[in-house]
C-alpha atoms as a PDB file:
ATOM      1  CA  MET A   1     103.064 280.635 102.868  1.00  0.00           C
ATOM      2  CA  ALA A   2     101.424 282.333 106.113  1.00  0.00           C
ATOM      3  CA  ASP A   3      99.752 280.352 108.857  1.00  0.00           C
ATOM      4  CA  THR A   4      96.926 281.845 111.005  1.00  0.00           C
ATOM      5  CA  ALA A   5      95.470 280.501 114.099  1.00  0.00           C
ATOM      6  CA  ILE A   6      91.960 279.343 113.980  1.00  0.00           C
ATOM      7  CA  GLU A   7      89.464 277.315 116.134  1.00  0.00           C
ATOM      8  CA  SER A   8      89.682 273.521 115.458  1.00  0.00           C
ATOM      9  CA  ILE A   9      86.473 271.936 113.825  1.00  0.00           C
ATOM     10  CA  ASP A  10      86.409 269.537 116.871  1.00  0.00           C
ATOM     11  CA  TYR A  11      85.283 272.042 119.269  1.00  0.00           C
ATOM     12  CA  LEU A  12      82.370 272.864 116.980  1.00  0.00           C
ATOM     13  CA  VAL A  13      81.679 269.182 116.574  1.00  0.00           C
ATOM     14  CA  LEU A  14      81.465 268.785 120.719  1.00  0.00           C
ATOM     15  CA  ASN A  15      79.516 271.806 121.239  1.00  0.00           C
ATOM     16  CA  GLY A  16      77.027 271.028 118.463  1.00  0.00           C
ATOM     17  CA  PHE A  17      76.470 267.556 120.240  1.00  0.00           C
ATOM     18  CA  GLN A  18      76.014 269.300 123.751  1.00  0.00           C
ATOM     19  CA  GLN A  19      73.390 271.775 122.475  1.00  0.00           C
ATOM     20  CA  ARG A  20      71.496 268.842 120.576  1.00  0.00           C
ATOM     21  CA  PHE A  21      71.632 266.351 123.654  1.00  0.00           C
ATOM     22  CA  GLN A  22      70.443 269.206 125.715  1.00  0.00           C
ATOM     23  CA  GLN A  23      67.549 269.995 123.240  1.00  0.00           C
ATOM     24  CA  VAL A  24      66.598 266.358 122.638  1.00  0.00           C
ATOM     25  CA  PHE A  25      66.596 265.078 126.534  1.00  0.00           C
ATOM     26  CA  GLY A  26      65.846 268.269 128.360  1.00  0.00           C
ATOM     27  CA  ALA A  27      69.126 268.334 130.390  1.00  0.00           C
ATOM     28  CA  VAL A  28      69.014 271.536 132.040  1.00  0.00           C
ATOM     29  CA  LYS A  29      72.957 271.736 132.365  1.00  0.00           C
ATOM     30  CA  CYS A  30      75.509 269.517 130.782  1.00  0.00           C
ATOM     31  CA  ALA A  31      79.160 269.719 129.794  1.00  0.00           C
ATOM     32  CA  PHE A  32      81.996 267.803 128.733  1.00  0.00           C
ATOM     33  CA  ILE A  33      84.228 267.046 131.796  1.00  0.00           C
ATOM     34  CA  ASN A  34      87.082 264.556 132.017  1.00  0.00           C
ATOM     35  CA  ALA A  35      87.497 264.487 135.668  1.00  0.00           C
ATOM     36  CA  ASN A  36      86.443 262.588 138.802  1.00  0.00           C
ATOM     37  CA  ASP A  37      84.235 265.018 140.719  1.00  0.00           C
ATOM     38  CA  LYS A  38      82.197 265.884 137.844  1.00  0.00           C
ATOM     39  CA  THR A  39      79.110 267.204 139.730  1.00  0.00           C
ATOM     40  CA  LYS A  40      81.266 269.929 141.417  1.00  0.00           C
ATOM     41  CA  ILE A  41      83.055 270.878 138.288  1.00  0.00           C
ATOM     42  CA  LEU A  42      79.612 271.175 136.418  1.00  0.00           C
ATOM     43  CA  GLN A  43      78.395 273.352 139.142  1.00  0.00           C
ATOM     44  CA  ARG A  44      81.170 275.585 139.155  1.00  0.00           C
ATOM     45  CA  LEU A  45      81.118 275.958 135.354  1.00  0.00           C
ATOM     46  CA  PHE A  46      77.708 277.435 135.790  1.00  0.00           C
ATOM     47  CA  GLY A  47      78.248 279.902 138.419  1.00  0.00           C
ATOM     48  CA  ASP A  48      78.514 277.890 141.867  1.00  0.00           C
ATOM     49  CA  THR A  49      74.624 277.893 141.960  1.00  0.00           C
ATOM     50  CA  PRO A  50      72.796 274.475 142.986  1.00  0.00           C
ATOM     51  CA  LEU A  51      72.349 272.126 140.175  1.00  0.00           C
ATOM     52  CA  GLU A  52      68.810 271.497 139.198  1.00  0.00           C
ATOM     53  CA  TYR A  53      67.647 268.248 138.011  1.00  0.00           C
ATOM     54  CA  PRO A  54      68.204 266.790 135.422  1.00  0.00           C
ATOM     55  CA  TYR A  55      71.750 267.457 134.479  1.00  0.00           C
ATOM     56  CA  ALA A  56      74.392 265.521 132.364  1.00  0.00           C
ATOM     57  CA  THR A  57      77.905 264.987 131.980  1.00  0.00           C
ATOM     58  CA  PHE A  58      80.078 263.937 128.889  1.00  0.00           C
ATOM     59  CA  GLU A  59      83.479 262.271 129.069  1.00  0.00           C
ATOM     60  CA  ILE A  60      85.624 261.661 126.234  1.00  0.00           C
ATOM     61  CA  ARG A  61      86.982 258.185 126.417  1.00  0.00           C
ATOM     62  CA  ARG A  62      88.615 257.548 122.995  1.00  0.00           C
ATOM     63  CA  VAL A  63      89.471 259.511 119.825  1.00  0.00           C
ATOM     64  CA  GLU A  64      90.204 257.795 116.556  1.00  0.00           C
ATOM     65  CA  GLU A  65      90.195 258.191 112.992  1.00  0.00           C
ATOM     66  CA  ASN A  66      86.869 257.254 111.144  1.00  0.00           C
ATOM     67  CA  ALA A  67      88.245 254.488 109.092  1.00  0.00           C
ATOM     68  CA  GLU A  68      84.820 253.681 107.668  1.00  0.00           C
ATOM     69  CA  SER A  69      84.740 257.526 106.310  1.00  0.00           C
ATOM     70  CA  TYR A  70      85.373 258.483 102.492  1.00  0.00           C
ATOM     71  CA  ASN A  71      88.840 258.968 101.712  1.00  0.00           C
ATOM     72  CA  PRO A  72      90.665 261.953 103.424  1.00  0.00           C
ATOM     73  CA  HIS A  73      93.549 262.237 101.504  1.00  0.00           C
ATOM     74  CA  ASN A  74      92.947 265.287  99.578  1.00  0.00           C
ATOM     75  CA  PHE A  75      91.608 266.998 102.882  1.00  0.00           C
ATOM     76  CA  LEU A  76      94.768 266.290 104.678  1.00  0.00           C
ATOM     77  CA  ARG A  77      97.377 266.875 101.862  1.00  0.00           C
ATOM     78  CA  ARG A  78      95.605 269.752  99.985  1.00  0.00           C
ATOM     79  CA  GLY A  79      93.816 271.077 102.649  1.00  0.00           C
ATOM     80  CA  LEU A  80      89.975 272.293 102.595  1.00  0.00           C
ATOM     81  CA  VAL A  81      89.247 275.543 101.008  1.00  0.00           C
ATOM     82  CA  LEU A  82      87.625 277.803 103.884  1.00  0.00           C
ATOM     83  CA  ASP A  83      87.502 281.023 102.566  1.00  0.00           C
ATOM     84  CA  VAL A  84      89.081 283.495 100.054  1.00  0.00           C
ATOM     85  CA  ALA A  85      91.947 285.670 101.473  1.00  0.00           C
ATOM     86  CA  SER A  86      92.358 287.711  98.447  1.00  0.00           C
ATOM     87  CA  ASP A  87      92.369 287.912  94.590  1.00  0.00           C
ATOM     88  CA  THR A  88      95.333 285.550  94.359  1.00  0.00           C
ATOM     89  CA  GLU A  89      95.058 283.276  97.603  1.00  0.00           C
ATOM     90  CA  VAL A  90      92.869 281.024  99.327  1.00  0.00           C
ATOM     91  CA  ARG A  91      92.890 279.899 103.119  1.00  0.00           C
ATOM     92  CA  THR A  92      92.927 276.146 103.827  1.00  0.00           C
ATOM     93  CA  VAL A  93      92.775 273.974 106.579  1.00  0.00           C
ATOM     94  CA  ARG A  94      93.486 270.088 107.048  1.00  0.00           C
ATOM     95  CA  VAL A  95      90.670 267.934 108.218  1.00  0.00           C
ATOM     96  CA  LEU A  96      90.234 264.287 109.374  1.00  0.00           C
ATOM     97  CA  PRO A  97      87.060 262.330 109.904  1.00  0.00           C
ATOM     98  CA  THR A  98      87.254 261.421 113.371  1.00  0.00           C
ATOM     99  CA  ASN A  99      85.150 259.454 116.078  1.00  0.00           C
ATOM    100  CA  PHE A 100      84.751 260.684 119.735  1.00  0.00           C
ATOM    101  CA  GLU A 101      83.777 257.781 121.917  1.00  0.00           C
ATOM    102  CA  ILE A 102      82.030 259.388 124.660  1.00  0.00           C
ATOM    103  CA  GLU A 103      80.510 258.214 128.375  1.00  0.00           C
ATOM    104  CA  ILE A 104      77.259 259.943 129.319  1.00  0.00           C
ATOM    105  CA  GLU A 105      76.148 260.499 132.658  1.00  0.00           C
ATOM    106  CA  TYR A 106      72.689 261.641 133.371  1.00  0.00           C
ATOM    107  CA  THR A 107      71.378 262.282 136.749  1.00  0.00           C
ATOM    108  CA  THR A 108      67.726 262.856 137.994  1.00  0.00           C
ATOM    109  CA  ASN A 109      65.669 262.789 140.962  1.00  0.00           C
ATOM    110  CA  LYS A 110      62.580 261.062 139.476  1.00  0.00           C
ATOM    111  CA  PHE A 111      62.381 257.292 138.195  1.00  0.00           C
ATOM    112  CA  GLN A 112      59.262 257.646 136.236  1.00  0.00           C
ATOM    113  CA  SER A 113      57.133 260.281 134.637  1.00  0.00           C
ATOM    114  CA  VAL A 114      55.031 261.226 131.618  1.00  0.00           C
ATOM    115  CA  GLU A 115      57.263 264.294 130.945  1.00  0.00           C
ATOM    116  CA  GLN A 116      61.182 264.499 130.429  1.00  0.00           C
ATOM    117  CA  GLY A 117      63.294 264.432 133.101  1.00  0.00           C
ATOM    118  CA  SER A 118      62.823 260.849 134.777  1.00  0.00           C
ATOM    119  CA  VAL A 119      64.886 257.500 134.389  1.00  0.00           C
ATOM    120  CA  LEU A 120      62.350 255.956 132.419  1.00  0.00           C
ATOM    121  CA  ALA A 121      61.467 258.957 130.037  1.00  0.00           C
ATOM    122  CA  PHE A 122      65.323 259.184 129.337  1.00  0.00           C
ATOM    123  CA  CYS A 123      65.284 255.475 128.412  1.00  0.00           C
ATOM    124  CA  ARG A 124      62.281 256.042 126.141  1.00  0.00           C
ATOM    125  CA  ARG A 125      63.826 259.202 124.598  1.00  0.00           C
ATOM    126  CA  TRP A 126      67.075 257.435 123.939  1.00  0.00           C
ATOM    127  CA  LEU A 127      65.616 254.696 122.019  1.00  0.00           C
ATOM    128  CA  LEU A 128      63.686 256.801 119.947  1.00  0.00           C
ATOM    129  CA  ALA A 129      66.781 259.046 119.423  1.00  0.00           C
ATOM    130  CA  ARG A 130      68.760 256.118 118.250  1.00  0.00           C
ATOM    131  CA  ARG A 131      66.153 254.827 116.025  1.00  0.00           C
ATOM    132  CA  LEU A 132      65.098 258.052 114.363  1.00  0.00           C
ATOM    133  CA  GLY A 133      68.392 260.141 114.601  1.00  0.00           C
ATOM    134  CA  TYR A 134      67.183 262.871 116.800  1.00  0.00           C
ATOM    135  CA  LEU A 135      71.187 263.481 118.002  1.00  0.00           C
ATOM    136  CA  LYS A 136      72.536 263.959 114.456  1.00  0.00           C
ATOM    137  CA  THR A 137      73.305 267.597 113.626  1.00  0.00           C
ATOM    138  CA  SER A 138      75.211 269.750 111.138  1.00  0.00           C
ATOM    139  CA  ILE A 139      77.869 272.242 111.747  1.00  0.00           C
ATOM    140  CA  ASN A 140      79.352 275.280 109.393  1.00  0.00           C
ATOM    141  CA  TYR A 141      82.921 275.334 109.158  1.00  0.00           C
ATOM    142  CA  GLY A 142      84.211 278.316 106.721  1.00  0.00           C
ATOM    143  CA  ARG A 143      82.383 277.996 103.552  1.00  0.00           C
ATOM    144  CA  HIS A 144      81.400 274.315 104.388  1.00  0.00           C
ATOM    145  CA  GLN A 145      78.651 272.431 106.151  1.00  0.00           C
ATOM    146  CA  PHE A 146      79.615 269.206 107.766  1.00  0.00           C
ATOM    147  CA  GLY A 147      76.995 266.424 108.856  1.00  0.00           C
ATOM    148  CA  ILE A 148      77.565 264.957 112.055  1.00  0.00           C
ATOM    149  CA  LEU A 149      76.265 261.503 112.779  1.00  0.00           C
ATOM    150  CA  VAL A 150      75.919 259.780 116.297  1.00  0.00           C
ATOM    151  CA  THR A 151      75.992 255.853 117.208  1.00  0.00           C
ATOM    152  CA  MET A 152      74.062 255.164 120.488  1.00  0.00           C
ATOM    153  CA  ASP A 153      74.316 251.932 122.724  1.00  0.00           C
ATOM    154  CA  PRO A 154      71.239 249.802 121.670  1.00  0.00           C
ATOM    155  CA  GLY A 155      69.926 249.673 125.376  1.00  0.00           C
ATOM    156  CA  ILE A 156      70.435 251.136 129.012  1.00  0.00           C
ATOM    157  CA  ASP A 157      70.953 249.713 132.348  1.00  0.00           C
ATOM    158  CA  THR A 158      68.581 251.175 134.584  1.00  0.00           C
ATOM    159  CA  PRO A 159      69.918 252.486 137.754  1.00  0.00           C
ATOM    160  CA  SER A 160      69.015 251.901 141.521  1.00  0.00           C
ATOM    161  CA  ARG A 161      68.736 254.757 143.845  1.00  0.00           C
ATOM    162  CA  GLU A 162      71.924 256.783 144.058  1.00  0.00           C
ATOM    163  CA  ASN A 163      71.612 258.201 147.348  1.00  0.00           C
ATOM    164  CA  VAL A 164      69.175 259.871 149.968  1.00  0.00           C
ATOM    165  CA  VAL A 165      70.231 263.291 151.509  1.00  0.00           C
ATOM    166  CA  GLU A 166      67.743 265.105 153.229  1.00  0.00           C
ATOM    167  CA  ASN A 167      64.966 262.991 151.902  1.00  0.00           C
ATOM    168  CA  GLU A 168      66.312 263.848 148.262  1.00  0.00           C
ATOM    169  CA  THR A 169      66.621 260.686 146.045  1.00  0.00           C
ATOM    170  CA  SER A 170      68.852 260.796 142.791  1.00  0.00           C
ATOM    171  CA  TYR A 171      69.303 258.196 140.072  1.00  0.00           C
ATOM    172  CA  LYS A 172      72.534 258.161 137.772  1.00  0.00           C
ATOM    173  CA  ILE A 173      72.310 256.572 134.458  1.00  0.00           C
ATOM    174  CA  SER A 174      75.542 255.738 132.378  1.00  0.00           C
ATOM    175  CA  CYS A 175      75.298 255.087 128.704  1.00  0.00           C
ATOM    176  CA  ARG A 176      77.759 255.283 125.732  1.00  0.00           C
ATOM    177  CA  ALA A 177      77.765 256.904 122.311  1.00  0.00           C
ATOM    178  CA  VAL A 178      80.140 257.469 119.262  1.00  0.00           C
ATOM    179  CA  ILE A 179      80.338 261.042 117.477  1.00  0.00           C
ATOM    180  CA  HIS A 180      81.129 260.742 114.031  1.00  0.00           C
ATOM    181  CA  GLY A 181      82.557 263.851 113.681  1.00  0.00           C
ATOM    182  CA  TYR A 182      86.045 265.737 112.571  1.00  0.00           C
ATOM    183  CA  THR A 183      88.982 267.095 113.823  1.00  0.00           C
ATOM    184  CA  SER A 184      91.387 269.728 112.199  1.00  0.00           C
ATOM    185  CA  GLU A 185      94.762 271.585 112.626  1.00  0.00           C
ATOM    186  CA  PRO A 186      94.178 275.059 114.469  1.00  0.00           C
ATOM    187  CA  VAL A 187      95.998 276.982 111.734  1.00  0.00           C
ATOM    188  CA  LEU A 188      94.935 278.309 108.381  1.00  0.00           C
ATOM    189  CA  GLY A 189      97.205 277.922 105.416  1.00  0.00           C
ATOM    190  CA  GLN A 190      97.417 280.066 102.401  1.00  0.00           C
ATOM    191  CA  LYS A 191      98.021 279.016  98.719  1.00  0.00           C
ATOM    192  CA  GLY A 192      97.678 280.710  95.413  1.00  0.00           C
ATOM    193  CA  LYS A 193      94.200 280.606  93.590  1.00  0.00           C
ATOM    194  CA  VAL A 194      93.884 279.826  89.887  1.00  0.00           C
ATOM    195  CA  THR A 195      92.534 282.966  88.129  1.00  0.00           C
ATOM    196  CA  GLN A 196      93.109 282.136  84.627  1.00  0.00           C
ATOM    197  CA  PHE A 197      93.855 279.206  82.546  1.00  0.00           C
ATOM    198  CA  ASN A 198      95.007 279.088  78.640  1.00  0.00           C
ATOM    199  CA  VAL A 199      93.635 276.893  75.981  1.00  0.00           C
ATOM    200  CA  ASN A 200      95.505 276.415  72.858  1.00  0.00           C
ATOM    201  CA  GLY A 201      93.002 275.969  69.813  1.00  0.00           C
ATOM    202  CA  GLN A 202      94.672 274.541  66.617  1.00  0.00           C
ATOM    203  CA  VAL A 203      92.508 276.109  64.120  1.00  0.00           C
ATOM    204  CA  GLY A 204      95.135 276.528  61.800  1.00  0.00           C
ATOM    205  CA  GLN A 205      99.049 276.178  61.664  1.00  0.00           C
ATOM    206  CA  VAL A 206     101.684 278.414  59.731  1.00  0.00           C
ATOM    207  CA  ASN A 207     104.928 276.924  59.288  1.00  0.00           C
ATOM    208  CA  GLY A 208     104.128 274.284  62.144  1.00  0.00           C
ATOM    209  CA  GLN A 209     103.149 277.307  64.698  1.00  0.00           C
ATOM    210  CA  ILE A 210      99.699 277.393  66.360  1.00  0.00           C
ATOM    211  CA  ILE A 211      97.846 280.704  65.539  1.00  0.00           C
ATOM    212  CA  SER A 212      94.930 280.638  67.663  1.00  0.00           C
ATOM    213  CA  THR A 213      95.033 281.098  71.518  1.00  0.00           C
ATOM    214  CA  GLN A 214      92.286 281.878  74.049  1.00  0.00           C
ATOM    215  CA  PHE A 215      92.435 283.077  77.427  1.00  0.00           C
ATOM    216  CA  PHE A 216      89.700 282.418  79.830  1.00  0.00           C
ATOM    217  CA  ALA A 217      89.593 284.246  83.229  1.00  0.00           C
ATOM    218  CA  PHE A 218      87.552 283.102  86.268  1.00  0.00           C
ATOM    219  CA  PRO A 219      85.085 285.989  87.227  1.00  0.00           C
ATOM    220  CA  GLN A 220      85.964 287.699  90.367  1.00  0.00           C
ATOM    221  CA  LYS A 221      83.345 287.393  93.184  1.00  0.00           C
ATOM    222  CA  SER A 222      82.858 289.972  95.769  1.00  0.00           C
END
C-alpha cells in the first residue's frame, strides 16, 4: 500500500472560517496567529504595510475530539474514500471530527457607527451571527463536502479605550468561539476497489452441484 502526502483537512477548516469571518464582520485583514505580538506579525503577513481598521486575529487555545459528533470509527479505521486512483484502487484518508476552541481579538478605532467597523456594530453583528448561523460554512475535500458549524459566546464584554497615539484611539474586543470541524492525517492511503461480485443462484442442481452462476461488474466511470 502506497502513501502520498496531502493537505490536511484542518487547514481547509481554519482557512474557511477565516474567510467567512472576514465576509461577515468586514475585517480588512485577519489571520490565525499563536504569538504574543499579534499586531506586528499580522502586519508582516500582509507585506509590512500599515494596518487599516478594523482587523482581527485568531488564536487556537484548545483542540479536542468532537465527542458529540457521529461515530467516526469507519472514518478512522477504513479511511474516507477521496477519489479513484485507478481501475482497481481508491485513495483514502483518515478523518476525525474535531473541535477547535479559538480566541478572537477584533481591533477597531470606532466605538459606535451605523456601518460595520465599530465596537457596537461588531457586537450587534456577533449576536445576529450566533443566532442565525452566519459563520457556518462548508468545505470540499476530495469527493466529499463537509459542513462546518461554529458555537459562539452568548455575549461580549465591551472594551475601554485601548490607547491614544497621535490622537488615534483604538478598541480591542476579545471573545471566544468553537469551530466544529475535522482533522485528518496528511497522507493518502490506497486500497483495492471492488469491481465485480458473484451471485450464485440455485436455479437447479445436478448431483448436488449449483448449475446457475451470474457475474455482476460495476460500470467503469471516466
